[in-house]
Amino acid sequence: MSSYPALRLRRTRSTGWSRRLHAETVLTPADLIWPLFVCEGRGVEEPIAALPGVSRWSVDNIVARGREARDLGIPCLALFPYTQPDRRTEDGREALNPDNLMCQAIRALKDAVPEIGVLTDVALDPYTSHGHDGLVDAAGYVVNDTTADMLVRQALNQAAAGADIIAPSDMMDGRIGMIRGALEADAHHNVQIMSYAAKYASAFYGPFRDAVGSRGLLKGDKKTYQMDSANAEEALREVGLDLAEGADTVMVKPGLPYLDIIVRVREAFKVPVFAYQVSGEYAMIEAAVAVGAADRDAMVLETLMAFKRAGCSGVLTYHAAHAARLLGG
């Protein structure tokens, strides 16, 4: 390699066209998955105070968001239901209702915008009266195997409604293999599984719990099943197990605080890795914008580029529609 002045690295940065030509990482609307919250009613939009600019939408408005995503070049929506308190139970049985909000939204999207992919959350926290992702015993411990049985039934319910990607976010041991086996046995051969393989017990989830109505219900914390933020090697073990059990893709959650995990997973397994830019990350950007400390457009694109640079195939982000507009979707 030559040295200065024969070599001037600033030469290729000197103009906009040259910077674009030499960009090592490319971000497009096709790299985005847009998380949306579903609520009851018709023509309903319920703004979420903890997530400025994000709302819960009734099913008809979810369809409108699907058309918007299609027009912006966003390939996939991720759905999360807001279950009314009177339908929340200790066992989360509303998750198995073939006409629950999730299934209604799946069917409506696949009927109206079949070219958009639909990713569905598999976990019981939107349906339980205690706010946990699984079933709890008398001591309040989230039990693994009976929860996994429920998750299999929940996944089959969503697949029957037309879900394209099943995304278990619960962190129960063994559930990926059980769900994959059930999908195959039920002839859902092309339904993908995106495993929340490395999901950490994080302080960044608060606004999401407001959005699905579980924050005030949660008894205790989720540290017995979600990962310790101190652990990286364990994340590789979790990812390896889920891939061996039949996951098509894996996710790291949260996003920016765990870029090191994304890099290590991508390098170790050479598989598609996704990140979830979670509600707390979104809320921090919006809070900075609100007090004039940052430019939203620049922050949104820079953080999303960081995920791509770290090795992500795509990103779940509440800024998806805004980012797609900036990118020319």
Protein backbone atom coordinates (compact mmCIF):
# COMPACT_ATOMS: atom_id res chain seq x y z
CA MET A 1 0.00 0.00 0.00
CA SER A 2 1.27 3.46 -0.84
CA SER A 3 1.40 6.28 1.68
CA TYR A 4 0.55 9.97 1.90
CA PRO A 5 0.57 12.01 -0.31
CA ALA A 6 0.25 9.39 -3.06
CA LEU A 7 -2.53 7.87 -0.99
CA ARG A 8 -5.20 10.30 0.19
CA LEU A 9 -8.26 8.49 1.54
CA ARG A 10 -10.21 11.74 1.40
CA ARG A 11 -10.12 11.70 -2.41
CA THR A 12 -13.01 9.28 -2.69
CA ARG A 13 -15.00 11.24 -0.07
CA SER A 14 -14.69 14.57 -1.82
CA THR A 15 -18.01 14.45 -3.73
CA GLY A 16 -21.43 12.98 -3.14
CA TRP A 17 -21.37 10.80 -6.25
CA SER A 18 -18.01 9.36 -5.23
CA ARG A 19 -19.16 8.63 -1.70
CA ARG A 20 -22.14 6.76 -3.12
CA LEU A 21 -19.92 4.87 -5.54
CA HIS A 22 -17.56 3.70 -2.79
CA ALA A 23 -20.18 2.90 -0.14
CA GLU A 24 -19.43 -0.52 1.37
CA THR A 25 -22.92 -0.96 2.84
CA VAL A 26 -26.26 -0.31 1.17
CA LEU A 27 -29.56 0.32 2.94
CA THR A 28 -32.86 0.07 1.04
CA PRO A 29 -36.55 -0.18 2.00
CA ALA A 30 -36.31 -3.92 1.24
CA ASP A 31 -34.13 -4.25 4.38
CA LEU A 32 -36.98 -3.15 6.67
CA ILE A 33 -39.72 -4.93 8.61
CA TRP A 34 -42.43 -2.67 10.04
CA PRO A 35 -43.85 -3.67 13.47
CA LEU A 36 -47.54 -2.79 13.89
CA PHE A 37 -49.93 -3.06 16.83
CA VAL A 38 -53.47 -4.35 16.26
CA CYS A 39 -56.50 -3.30 18.31
CA GLU A 40 -60.24 -3.90 18.17
CA GLY A 41 -62.80 -1.78 16.34
CA ARG A 42 -63.06 -0.19 12.93
CA GLY A 43 -61.45 3.04 11.78
CA VAL A 44 -59.50 3.12 15.03
CA GLU A 45 -56.11 4.74 15.59
CA GLU A 46 -54.89 4.83 19.20
CA PRO A 47 -51.68 6.84 19.63
CA ILE A 48 -49.23 5.25 22.10
CA ALA A 49 -47.92 7.92 24.48
CA ALA A 50 -44.66 6.11 25.20
CA LEU A 51 -43.98 5.76 21.45
CA PRO A 52 -44.60 9.18 19.86
CA GLY A 53 -45.69 8.70 16.27
CA VAL A 54 -46.69 5.04 16.77
CA SER A 55 -50.30 3.91 17.13
CA ARG A 56 -52.45 0.87 17.61
CA TRP A 57 -54.57 0.24 14.53
CA SER A 58 -57.83 -1.59 13.96
CA VAL A 59 -57.70 -4.34 11.35
CA ASP A 60 -58.99 -2.15 8.52
CA ASN A 61 -56.28 0.39 9.25
CA ILE A 62 -53.67 -2.38 9.44
CA VAL A 63 -54.66 -3.18 5.85
CA ALA A 64 -54.12 0.47 4.95
CA ARG A 65 -50.64 0.26 6.50
CA GLY A 66 -50.04 -2.86 4.41
CA ARG A 67 -50.82 -0.94 1.23
CA GLU A 68 -48.56 1.87 2.43
CA ALA A 69 -45.74 -0.60 3.06
CA ARG A 70 -46.16 -2.09 -0.41
CA ASP A 71 -46.00 1.34 -2.02
CA LEU A 72 -42.88 2.23 -0.02
CA GLY A 73 -41.07 -1.00 -0.93
CA ILE A 74 -41.20 -2.46 2.60
CA PRO A 75 -41.51 -6.23 2.12
CA CYS A 76 -42.84 -7.41 5.49
CA LEU A 77 -45.01 -6.38 8.44
CA ALA A 78 -44.66 -7.72 12.00
CA LEU A 79 -47.92 -7.91 13.96
CA PHE A 80 -48.52 -7.60 17.70
CA PRO A 81 -52.01 -7.59 19.26
CA TYR A 82 -53.44 -5.43 22.02
CA THR A 83 -55.73 -7.88 23.79
CA GLN A 84 -58.53 -6.42 25.89
CA PRO A 85 -58.21 -7.13 29.65
CA ASP A 86 -61.36 -9.27 29.72
CA ARG A 87 -59.74 -11.68 27.21
CA ARG A 88 -56.52 -12.06 29.15
CA THR A 89 -56.31 -15.19 31.29
CA GLU A 90 -53.74 -17.06 33.36
CA ASP A 91 -53.27 -19.58 30.54
CA GLY A 92 -53.39 -17.09 27.64
CA ARG A 93 -55.95 -19.20 25.79
CA GLU A 94 -56.99 -16.26 23.54
CA ALA A 95 -53.75 -17.00 21.64
CA LEU A 96 -55.49 -20.15 20.34
CA ASN A 97 -58.67 -18.40 19.20
CA PRO A 98 -58.79 -18.70 15.36
CA ASP A 99 -60.62 -15.37 15.26
CA ASN A 100 -58.36 -13.42 17.62
CA LEU A 101 -56.99 -10.03 16.58
CA MET A 102 -53.78 -11.52 15.21
CA CYS A 103 -55.61 -13.99 12.97
CA GLN A 104 -58.09 -11.36 11.79
CA ALA A 105 -55.23 -9.07 10.80
CA ILE A 106 -53.30 -11.87 9.06
CA ARG A 107 -56.30 -12.86 6.94
CA ALA A 108 -57.17 -9.26 6.09
CA LEU A 109 -53.61 -8.49 4.98
CA LYS A 110 -53.21 -11.64 2.91
CA ASP A 111 -56.57 -10.98 1.22
CA ALA A 112 -55.88 -7.31 0.46
CA VAL A 113 -52.10 -7.15 0.01
CA PRO A 114 -50.92 -10.71 -0.67
CA GLU A 115 -47.52 -9.52 -1.89
CA ILE A 116 -46.62 -8.26 1.59
CA GLY A 117 -45.07 -10.76 4.00
CA VAL A 118 -46.70 -11.16 7.42
CA LEU A 119 -44.54 -12.00 10.42
CA THR A 120 -46.35 -13.01 13.60
CA ASP A 121 -45.19 -12.98 17.19
CA VAL A 122 -45.42 -16.30 19.03
CA ALA A 123 -45.46 -15.73 22.78
CA LEU A 124 -48.18 -15.55 25.41
CA ASP A 125 -47.50 -12.15 26.98
CA PRO A 126 -50.16 -10.31 24.91
CA TYR A 127 -52.74 -12.82 26.17
CA THR A 128 -51.84 -13.59 29.81
CA SER A 129 -53.23 -11.81 32.83
CA HIS A 130 -49.79 -11.91 34.48
CA GLY A 131 -47.85 -10.48 31.53
CA HIS A 132 -45.37 -13.32 31.16
CA ASP A 133 -44.47 -14.98 27.86
CA GLY A 134 -45.47 -18.40 29.17
CA LEU A 135 -47.45 -20.30 31.78
CA VAL A 136 -46.53 -19.86 35.43
CA ASP A 137 -46.59 -22.35 38.29
CA ALA A 138 -47.73 -21.73 41.86
CA ALA A 139 -44.37 -20.19 42.73
CA GLY A 140 -44.58 -17.77 39.79
CA TYR A 141 -41.92 -19.58 37.74
CA VAL A 142 -42.49 -19.70 33.98
CA VAL A 143 -42.60 -23.39 33.12
CA ASN A 144 -40.91 -24.47 29.94
CA ASP A 145 -42.45 -27.59 28.46
CA THR A 146 -46.15 -26.88 28.96
CA THR A 147 -45.53 -23.36 27.63
CA ALA A 148 -43.83 -24.82 24.55
CA ASP A 149 -46.90 -27.00 23.93
CA MET A 150 -49.08 -23.86 23.97
CA LEU A 151 -46.69 -22.08 21.63
CA VAL A 152 -46.93 -24.90 19.10
CA ARG A 153 -50.71 -24.57 19.09
CA GLN A 154 -50.43 -20.77 18.80
CA ALA A 155 -48.03 -21.10 15.85
CA LEU A 156 -50.36 -23.53 14.05
CA ASN A 157 -53.27 -21.14 14.62
CA GLN A 158 -51.35 -18.30 13.00
CA ALA A 159 -50.08 -20.46 10.13
CA ALA A 160 -53.64 -21.59 9.39
CA ALA A 161 -54.66 -17.93 9.18
CA GLY A 162 -51.97 -17.32 6.56
CA ALA A 163 -48.85 -16.15 8.43
CA ASP A 164 -45.71 -16.23 6.31
CA ILE A 165 -43.14 -16.09 9.11
CA ILE A 166 -43.62 -17.48 12.62
CA ALA A 167 -41.42 -15.56 15.07
CA PRO A 168 -41.21 -17.16 18.54
CA SER A 169 -40.14 -14.44 20.98
CA ASP A 170 -40.67 -16.38 24.20
CA MET A 171 -37.17 -17.88 24.75
CA MET A 172 -38.44 -21.28 25.91
CA ASP A 173 -35.97 -24.14 25.40
CA GLY A 174 -36.81 -26.52 22.55
CA ARG A 175 -39.75 -24.63 21.10
CA ILE A 176 -38.24 -24.13 17.65
CA GLY A 177 -37.92 -27.86 16.99
CA MET A 178 -41.43 -28.49 18.28
CA ILE A 179 -42.93 -25.73 16.12
CA ARG A 180 -41.00 -26.82 13.04
CA GLY A 181 -42.16 -30.41 13.50
CA ALA A 182 -45.78 -29.31 13.91
CA LEU A 183 -45.66 -27.04 10.85
CA GLU A 184 -44.27 -29.86 8.73
CA ALA A 185 -46.83 -32.34 10.03
CA ASP A 186 -49.63 -29.86 9.24
CA ALA A 187 -48.32 -29.30 5.67
CA HIS A 188 -47.14 -25.73 6.34
CA HIS A 189 -43.88 -26.55 4.58
CA ASN A 190 -43.15 -23.03 3.35
CA VAL A 191 -43.92 -21.16 6.55
CA GLN A 192 -40.67 -19.67 7.77
CA ILE A 193 -39.45 -19.51 11.36
CA MET A 194 -37.53 -16.42 12.44
CA SER A 195 -36.36 -17.24 15.92
CA TYR A 196 -35.79 -14.60 18.55
CA ALA A 197 -32.69 -16.65 19.28
CA ALA A 198 -30.71 -14.12 21.31
CA LYS A 199 -33.32 -12.09 23.17
CA TYR A 200 -31.96 -10.31 26.21
CA ALA A 201 -33.73 -9.35 29.44
CA SER A 202 -33.50 -5.66 28.63
CA ALA A 203 -34.46 -2.31 30.09
CA PHE A 204 -35.37 -1.16 26.55
CA TYR A 205 -38.75 -2.93 26.30
CA GLY A 206 -40.92 -0.63 28.42
CA PRO A 207 -42.80 1.25 25.67
CA PHE A 208 -43.58 -2.03 23.87
CA ARG A 209 -45.23 -3.36 27.01
CA ASP A 210 -47.39 -0.24 27.08
CA ALA A 211 -48.28 -0.85 23.43
CA VAL A 212 -49.53 -4.42 24.02
CA GLY A 213 -50.98 -3.63 27.46
CA SER A 214 -48.77 -5.88 29.57
CA ARG A 215 -46.59 -3.44 31.52
CA GLY A 216 -48.91 -2.98 34.49
CA LEU A 217 -49.70 -6.70 34.58
CA LEU A 218 -46.18 -8.12 34.69
CA LYS A 219 -45.42 -9.83 37.96
CA GLY A 220 -41.67 -9.94 38.59
CA ASP A 221 -39.31 -9.93 35.62
CA LYS A 222 -38.35 -12.16 32.69
CA LYS A 223 -34.78 -12.96 33.69
CA THR A 224 -35.42 -16.69 34.13
CA TYR A 225 -36.02 -17.09 30.39
CA GLN A 226 -34.61 -14.06 28.58
CA MET A 227 -30.82 -13.78 28.36
CA ASP A 228 -28.42 -12.02 30.73
CA SER A 229 -26.95 -8.91 29.08
CA ALA A 230 -23.50 -9.97 30.33
CA ASN A 231 -23.42 -13.07 28.12
CA ALA A 232 -22.18 -13.40 24.55
CA GLU A 233 -21.03 -17.01 24.30
CA GLU A 234 -24.46 -18.12 25.51
CA ALA A 235 -26.02 -16.21 22.60
CA LEU A 236 -24.01 -18.31 20.16
CA ARG A 237 -25.21 -21.47 21.87
CA GLU A 238 -28.84 -20.28 21.67
CA VAL A 239 -28.49 -19.46 17.98
CA GLY A 240 -26.81 -22.77 17.21
CA LEU A 241 -29.55 -24.73 18.95
CA ASP A 242 -32.36 -22.87 17.16
CA LEU A 243 -30.73 -23.35 13.76
CA ALA A 244 -30.28 -27.06 14.47
CA GLU A 245 -33.98 -27.28 15.39
CA GLY A 246 -35.14 -25.75 12.11
CA ALA A 247 -35.07 -21.94 12.32
CA ASP A 248 -34.67 -20.34 8.89
CA THR A 249 -33.40 -17.05 10.27
CA VAL A 250 -32.42 -15.69 13.66
CA MET A 251 -32.86 -12.42 15.49
CA VAL A 252 -30.87 -10.46 18.04
CA LYS A 253 -32.94 -8.25 20.35
CA PRO A 254 -32.47 -5.41 21.34
CA GLY A 255 -30.47 -3.90 18.51
CA LEU A 256 -27.90 -1.16 19.02
CA PRO A 257 -26.74 -2.25 22.50
CA TYR A 258 -26.01 -5.71 21.03
CA LEU A 259 -24.25 -4.94 17.75
CA ASP A 260 -21.33 -7.06 18.97
CA ILE A 261 -23.67 -10.06 19.22
CA ILE A 262 -24.95 -9.47 15.68
CA VAL A 263 -21.40 -9.45 14.34
CA ARG A 264 -20.46 -12.62 16.20
CA VAL A 265 -23.60 -14.50 15.13
CA ARG A 266 -23.13 -13.55 11.49
CA GLU A 267 -19.46 -14.54 11.51
CA ALA A 268 -20.05 -17.81 13.35
CA PHE A 269 -23.06 -19.14 11.41
CA LYS A 270 -23.17 -17.35 8.03
CA VAL A 271 -26.98 -17.28 8.14
CA PRO A 272 -29.48 -14.41 7.75
CA VAL A 273 -29.48 -12.39 10.98
CA PHE A 274 -32.10 -9.79 11.83
CA ALA A 275 -32.14 -7.17 14.57
CA TYR A 276 -35.07 -5.62 16.37
CA GLN A 277 -34.58 -1.91 16.97
CA VAL A 278 -36.83 -2.05 20.00
CA SER A 279 -39.29 0.40 21.47
CA GLY A 280 -36.82 1.94 23.92
CA GLU A 281 -34.38 2.62 21.12
CA TYR A 282 -37.10 4.29 19.07
CA ALA A 283 -38.29 6.32 22.07
CA MET A 284 -34.77 7.61 22.78
CA ILE A 285 -34.40 8.90 19.21
CA GLU A 286 -37.79 10.60 19.40
CA ALA A 287 -36.97 12.11 22.81
CA ALA A 288 -33.72 13.54 21.45
CA VAL A 289 -35.58 15.01 18.48
CA ALA A 290 -38.25 16.50 20.74
CA VAL A 291 -35.72 18.56 22.73
CA GLY A 292 -33.78 19.63 19.65
CA ALA A 293 -30.75 17.49 20.42
CA ALA A 294 -30.77 15.54 17.16
CA ASP A 295 -31.99 15.42 13.59
CA ARG A 296 -34.48 12.56 13.18
CA ASP A 297 -33.68 11.78 9.56
CA ALA A 298 -29.94 11.56 10.15
CA MET A 299 -30.28 9.48 13.32
CA VAL A 300 -32.74 7.04 11.77
CA LEU A 301 -30.59 6.36 8.74
CA GLU A 302 -27.34 6.19 10.71
CA THR A 303 -28.68 3.66 13.21
CA LEU A 304 -30.20 1.50 10.49
CA MET A 305 -26.95 1.61 8.53
CA ALA A 306 -25.15 0.42 11.68
CA PHE A 307 -27.28 -2.74 11.69
CA LYS A 308 -26.52 -3.43 8.04
CA ARG A 309 -22.81 -2.75 8.57
CA ALA A 310 -22.79 -5.21 11.47
CA GLY A 311 -24.13 -7.92 9.17
CA CYS A 312 -27.91 -7.78 9.42
CA SER A 313 -30.02 -8.98 6.53
CA GLY A 314 -32.84 -6.78 7.79
CA VAL A 315 -34.16 -4.74 10.71
CA LEU A 316 -37.47 -4.57 12.53
CA THR A 317 -37.98 -0.87 13.25
CA TYR A 318 -40.87 1.43 14.12
CA HIS A 319 -39.17 3.99 11.88
CA ALA A 320 -39.62 1.70 8.85
CA ALA A 321 -42.09 3.87 6.92
CA HIS A 322 -40.17 7.07 7.68
CA ALA A 323 -36.87 5.46 6.67
CA ALA A 324 -38.37 4.05 3.47
CA ARG A 325 -39.54 7.54 2.47
CA LEU A 326 -36.07 8.93 3.11
CA LEU A 327 -34.58 6.15 1.02
CA GLY A 328 -36.92 6.85 -1.86
CA GLY A 329 -39.32 3.97 -1.38
